[in-house]
Amino acid sequence: MVEIHWTDEAQVWLKDIHSYIAQDNKKVASRVINEIFNKTQILSSFPKMGYLYQNDEKLEIRVLLYGHYRIAYLVKDDKNIDVLGVFHGSLDIERYL
């Protein structure tokens, strides 16, 4: 089974998303974060579920969609996954990956 690791950067993104949404509704903020986390758990069974963002000899970066968010992750050689970040669809993902 694939292990999913959240990078420190991805955890910061989640906290920022939560803080932003919580300004209006703390309950909704918690629900969104839980649903993003739950969505990534699908990757433990289907690691290539997200669309291919970058693939070269060294990196296989994929993006899993959840609502207005893009969950960027790296499929490593050992088939485990590093979640790199969670980006709102309006952000230029190129600046961060």
Protein backbone atom coordinates (compact mmCIF):
# COMPACT_ATOMS: atom_id res chain seq x y z
CA MET A 1 0.00 0.00 0.00
CA VAL A 2 1.16 3.50 -0.85
CA GLU A 3 2.13 5.84 1.98
CA ILE A 4 1.07 9.47 1.74
CA HIS A 5 3.31 12.10 3.31
CA TRP A 6 2.27 15.75 3.64
CA THR A 7 5.24 18.06 3.20
CA ASP A 8 5.64 20.98 5.58
CA GLU A 9 4.78 23.31 2.71
CA ALA A 10 1.54 21.44 1.99
CA GLN A 11 0.58 21.63 5.65
CA VAL A 12 1.13 25.40 5.59
CA TRP A 13 -1.14 25.65 2.53
CA LEU A 14 -3.87 23.73 4.37
CA LYS A 15 -3.59 26.01 7.41
CA ASP A 16 -3.79 29.08 5.18
CA ILE A 17 -6.87 27.73 3.40
CA HIS A 18 -8.49 26.96 6.74
CA SER A 19 -7.70 30.42 8.11
CA TYR A 20 -9.08 32.14 5.03
CA ILE A 21 -12.37 30.21 4.99
CA ALA A 22 -12.71 30.39 8.80
CA GLN A 23 -12.96 34.18 8.58
CA ASP A 24 -16.49 33.57 7.31
CA ASN A 25 -17.36 30.16 8.72
CA LYS A 26 -15.18 27.97 10.95
CA LYS A 27 -17.38 24.93 10.48
CA VAL A 28 -17.12 25.10 6.69
CA ALA A 29 -13.36 25.67 6.94
CA SER A 30 -12.91 22.47 8.94
CA ARG A 31 -15.14 20.53 6.55
CA VAL A 32 -13.18 21.70 3.48
CA ILE A 33 -9.85 20.72 5.04
CA ASN A 34 -11.19 17.31 6.07
CA GLU A 35 -12.56 16.71 2.58
CA ILE A 36 -9.24 17.70 0.96
CA PHE A 37 -7.44 15.30 3.30
CA ASN A 38 -9.96 12.53 2.59
CA LYS A 39 -9.66 13.09 -1.16
CA THR A 40 -5.91 12.49 -0.97
CA GLN A 41 -6.47 9.18 0.82
CA ILE A 42 -7.80 7.80 -2.48
CA LEU A 43 -4.21 8.03 -3.72
CA SER A 44 -3.15 5.21 -1.41
CA SER A 45 -5.12 2.86 -3.67
CA PHE A 46 -4.90 4.83 -6.93
CA PRO A 47 -1.65 6.84 -6.92
CA LYS A 48 -1.94 7.82 -10.58
CA MET A 49 -5.50 9.09 -10.28
CA GLY A 50 -4.52 12.74 -10.70
CA TYR A 51 -3.65 14.19 -14.07
CA LEU A 52 -0.01 14.28 -15.07
CA TYR A 53 1.48 17.74 -14.52
CA GLN A 54 5.16 17.05 -15.00
CA ASN A 55 6.91 13.86 -15.97
CA ASP A 56 10.58 13.54 -16.67
CA GLU A 57 13.25 11.04 -15.68
CA LYS A 58 13.46 12.42 -12.15
CA LEU A 59 9.96 13.65 -11.27
CA GLU A 60 6.37 12.53 -11.70
CA ILE A 61 4.19 15.33 -10.42
CA ARG A 62 0.45 14.87 -10.62
CA VAL A 63 -2.52 17.02 -9.68
CA LEU A 64 -5.70 15.77 -8.05
CA LEU A 65 -8.73 18.06 -8.22
CA TYR A 66 -11.07 18.84 -5.36
CA GLY A 67 -13.63 21.58 -5.93
CA HIS A 68 -11.75 24.82 -6.57
CA TYR A 69 -8.48 23.30 -5.32
CA ARG A 70 -5.61 21.48 -6.99
CA ILE A 71 -3.69 19.03 -4.83
CA ALA A 72 -0.18 18.67 -6.25
CA TYR A 73 1.72 15.52 -5.38
CA LEU A 74 4.90 13.71 -6.27
CA VAL A 75 4.88 9.98 -7.00
CA LYS A 76 8.28 8.83 -5.78
CA ASP A 77 10.38 5.94 -7.10
CA ASP A 78 9.27 3.78 -4.18
CA LYS A 79 5.66 4.52 -5.27
CA ASN A 80 4.98 6.49 -2.08
CA ILE A 81 3.51 9.98 -2.38
CA ASP A 82 4.56 13.41 -1.15
CA VAL A 83 1.77 15.99 -1.19
CA LEU A 84 3.52 19.17 -2.31
CA GLY A 85 0.76 21.70 -1.90
CA VAL A 86 -2.92 22.56 -2.17
CA PHE A 87 -3.58 25.44 -4.53
CA HIS A 88 -6.73 27.40 -5.26
CA GLY A 89 -7.62 27.19 -8.92
CA SER A 90 -7.09 30.93 -9.38
CA LEU A 91 -3.41 30.69 -8.42
CA ASP A 92 -0.67 30.30 -11.00
CA ILE A 93 0.58 26.86 -10.00
CA GLU A 94 3.71 27.39 -12.12
CA ARG A 95 4.99 29.84 -9.50
CA TYR A 96 4.98 27.19 -6.81
CA LEU A 97 6.03 23.96 -8.48
